[in-house]
Amino acid sequence: MIVLPNLPGLRSGDVLTRPKRWSPFTHTGVVVAPNVVLHNTPESGEHLSSYADFAQGQRVRVIRRRVAPGFFSRIIAIVRRPKSYSPVTRNCEHTALEAVQGKSTSPQLFRSLVSISLGFLFIGFLRRR
């Protein structure tokens, strides 16, 4: 793991999250190298940026994850063929977790869909009464 000299304690593979403005969701990226973060935004799709560009003045939370073998190979593949942002099929979590774990997944999206589904079930239950 590479320790970022200007951002003490951050290592390649660390997952970063920060609040999104005007949204209940968080923005997610992954540390690739010193002051380099891979993330996916509606404006730029999958791309590398500086830590400051990722943070956008927000407080950033660091989540240590065990990095699956092939981390740098996955980073290279993502950067060589960047995908456009999609809130459902390719959001920032999909990108970061594919890089770290080798599996494209979005826990925030899953939780949102489950919550919406439960809400509809509850409304349907109330209407039957």
Protein backbone atom coordinates (compact mmCIF):
# COMPACT_ATOMS: atom_id res chain seq x y z
CA MET A 1 0.00 0.00 0.00
CA ILE A 2 1.12 3.52 -0.75
CA VAL A 3 0.88 6.03 2.09
CA LEU A 4 -0.01 9.50 0.88
CA PRO A 5 2.55 11.93 2.29
CA ASN A 6 0.33 15.02 2.16
CA LEU A 7 -2.74 13.20 3.50
CA PRO A 8 -1.50 11.23 6.51
CA GLY A 9 -2.81 7.71 6.89
CA LEU A 10 -4.49 7.33 3.49
CA ARG A 11 -3.45 4.30 1.47
CA SER A 12 -4.16 2.94 -1.97
CA GLY A 13 -7.48 1.11 -1.80
CA ASP A 14 -8.98 3.28 0.93
CA VAL A 15 -12.59 4.09 0.11
CA LEU A 16 -13.50 7.76 0.58
CA THR A 17 -16.99 9.12 1.11
CA ARG A 18 -18.27 12.64 1.51
CA PRO A 19 -21.73 14.21 1.65
CA LYS A 20 -23.32 15.20 -1.64
CA ARG A 21 -24.74 18.68 -1.70
CA TRP A 22 -28.54 18.75 -1.48
CA SER A 23 -28.77 14.97 -1.32
CA PRO A 24 -29.18 12.29 1.35
CA PHE A 25 -26.56 10.18 -0.46
CA THR A 26 -22.78 10.23 -0.18
CA HIS A 27 -20.20 10.52 -2.95
CA THR A 28 -17.70 7.65 -3.06
CA GLY A 29 -14.19 7.32 -4.48
CA VAL A 30 -11.08 5.24 -3.94
CA VAL A 31 -7.50 6.31 -3.24
CA VAL A 32 -5.24 5.15 -6.09
CA ALA A 33 -1.91 6.86 -5.32
CA PRO A 34 -0.62 9.95 -3.50
CA ASN A 35 -3.26 12.65 -3.97
CA VAL A 36 -5.04 10.63 -6.69
CA VAL A 37 -8.67 9.51 -6.32
CA LEU A 38 -10.74 7.49 -8.77
CA HIS A 39 -14.42 8.41 -8.77
CA ASN A 40 -17.43 8.77 -11.03
CA THR A 41 -19.47 11.95 -11.44
CA PRO A 42 -22.37 12.97 -13.68
CA GLU A 43 -20.20 15.74 -15.17
CA SER A 44 -17.04 13.72 -15.95
CA GLY A 45 -17.90 10.02 -15.69
CA GLU A 46 -15.16 7.76 -14.31
CA HIS A 47 -11.97 9.75 -13.85
CA LEU A 48 -8.93 10.44 -11.70
CA SER A 49 -8.72 13.64 -9.71
CA SER A 50 -6.90 15.16 -6.77
CA TYR A 51 -8.08 14.60 -3.22
CA ALA A 52 -9.13 18.29 -3.02
CA ASP A 53 -11.22 17.98 -6.19
CA PHE A 54 -12.89 14.86 -4.78
CA ALA A 55 -13.55 16.44 -1.37
CA GLN A 56 -14.95 19.75 -2.72
CA GLY A 57 -14.45 21.33 0.68
CA GLN A 58 -16.54 18.66 2.43
CA ARG A 59 -15.46 16.47 5.32
CA VAL A 60 -14.23 13.11 3.96
CA ARG A 61 -14.71 9.79 5.71
CA VAL A 62 -12.11 7.05 5.15
CA ILE A 63 -13.19 3.42 5.05
CA ARG A 64 -10.44 0.82 5.17
CA ARG A 65 -11.26 -2.20 3.06
CA ARG A 66 -9.32 -5.30 2.27
CA VAL A 67 -8.27 -4.82 -1.33
CA ALA A 68 -8.92 -7.83 -3.56
CA PRO A 69 -6.00 -9.01 -5.72
CA GLY A 70 -5.76 -7.17 -9.01
CA PHE A 71 -6.56 -3.70 -7.63
CA PHE A 72 -4.17 -1.80 -9.90
CA SER A 73 -5.15 -3.88 -12.94
CA ARG A 74 -8.79 -2.94 -12.33
CA ILE A 75 -7.86 0.74 -11.90
CA ILE A 76 -5.99 0.68 -15.23
CA ALA A 77 -8.93 -1.02 -16.97
CA ILE A 78 -11.41 1.54 -15.59
CA VAL A 79 -9.22 4.50 -16.54
CA ARG A 80 -8.54 3.13 -20.04
CA ARG A 81 -12.24 2.61 -20.74
CA PRO A 82 -14.11 5.02 -18.49
CA LYS A 83 -17.88 4.62 -18.29
CA SER A 84 -20.41 7.40 -18.09
CA TYR A 85 -22.20 8.05 -14.82
CA SER A 86 -25.60 6.44 -14.30
CA PRO A 87 -27.35 6.68 -10.94
CA VAL A 88 -28.73 3.15 -11.35
CA THR A 89 -26.19 1.13 -13.37
CA ARG A 90 -22.85 2.93 -12.86
CA ASN A 91 -22.71 5.39 -9.99
CA CYS A 92 -19.71 6.40 -7.87
CA GLU A 93 -20.10 3.40 -5.54
CA HIS A 94 -20.17 0.97 -8.47
CA THR A 95 -16.86 2.39 -9.70
CA ALA A 96 -15.07 2.52 -6.34
CA LEU A 97 -16.17 -0.91 -5.14
CA GLU A 98 -15.34 -2.56 -8.47
CA ALA A 99 -11.84 -1.14 -8.14
CA VAL A 100 -11.42 -2.31 -4.53
CA GLN A 101 -13.40 -5.56 -4.42
CA GLY A 102 -13.59 -6.59 -8.05
CA LYS A 103 -17.40 -6.42 -7.91
CA SER A 104 -19.51 -3.50 -9.11
CA THR A 105 -22.11 -2.86 -6.42
CA SER A 106 -23.94 0.05 -4.81
CA PRO A 107 -25.14 -0.50 -1.23
CA GLN A 108 -26.78 2.97 -1.15
CA LEU A 109 -28.81 2.15 -4.27
CA PHE A 110 -29.80 -1.24 -2.86
CA ARG A 111 -30.93 0.30 0.45
CA SER A 112 -32.90 2.97 -1.41
CA LEU A 113 -34.67 0.43 -3.61
CA VAL A 114 -35.51 -1.75 -0.60
CA SER A 115 -36.87 1.27 1.30
CA ILE A 116 -38.99 2.37 -1.66
CA SER A 117 -40.31 -1.17 -2.13
CA LEU A 118 -41.21 -1.48 1.54
CA GLY A 119 -42.95 1.89 1.36
CA PHE A 120 -45.09 0.74 -1.56
CA LEU A 121 -45.92 -2.52 0.23
CA PHE A 122 -46.94 -0.58 3.33
CA ILE A 123 -49.14 1.78 1.31
CA GLY A 124 -50.72 -1.21 -0.44
CA PHE A 125 -51.36 -2.85 2.93
CA LEU A 126 -53.04 0.32 4.27
CA ARG A 127 -55.27 0.61 1.18
CA ARG A 128 -56.58 -2.93 1.65
CA ARG A 129 -57.89 -2.11 5.10
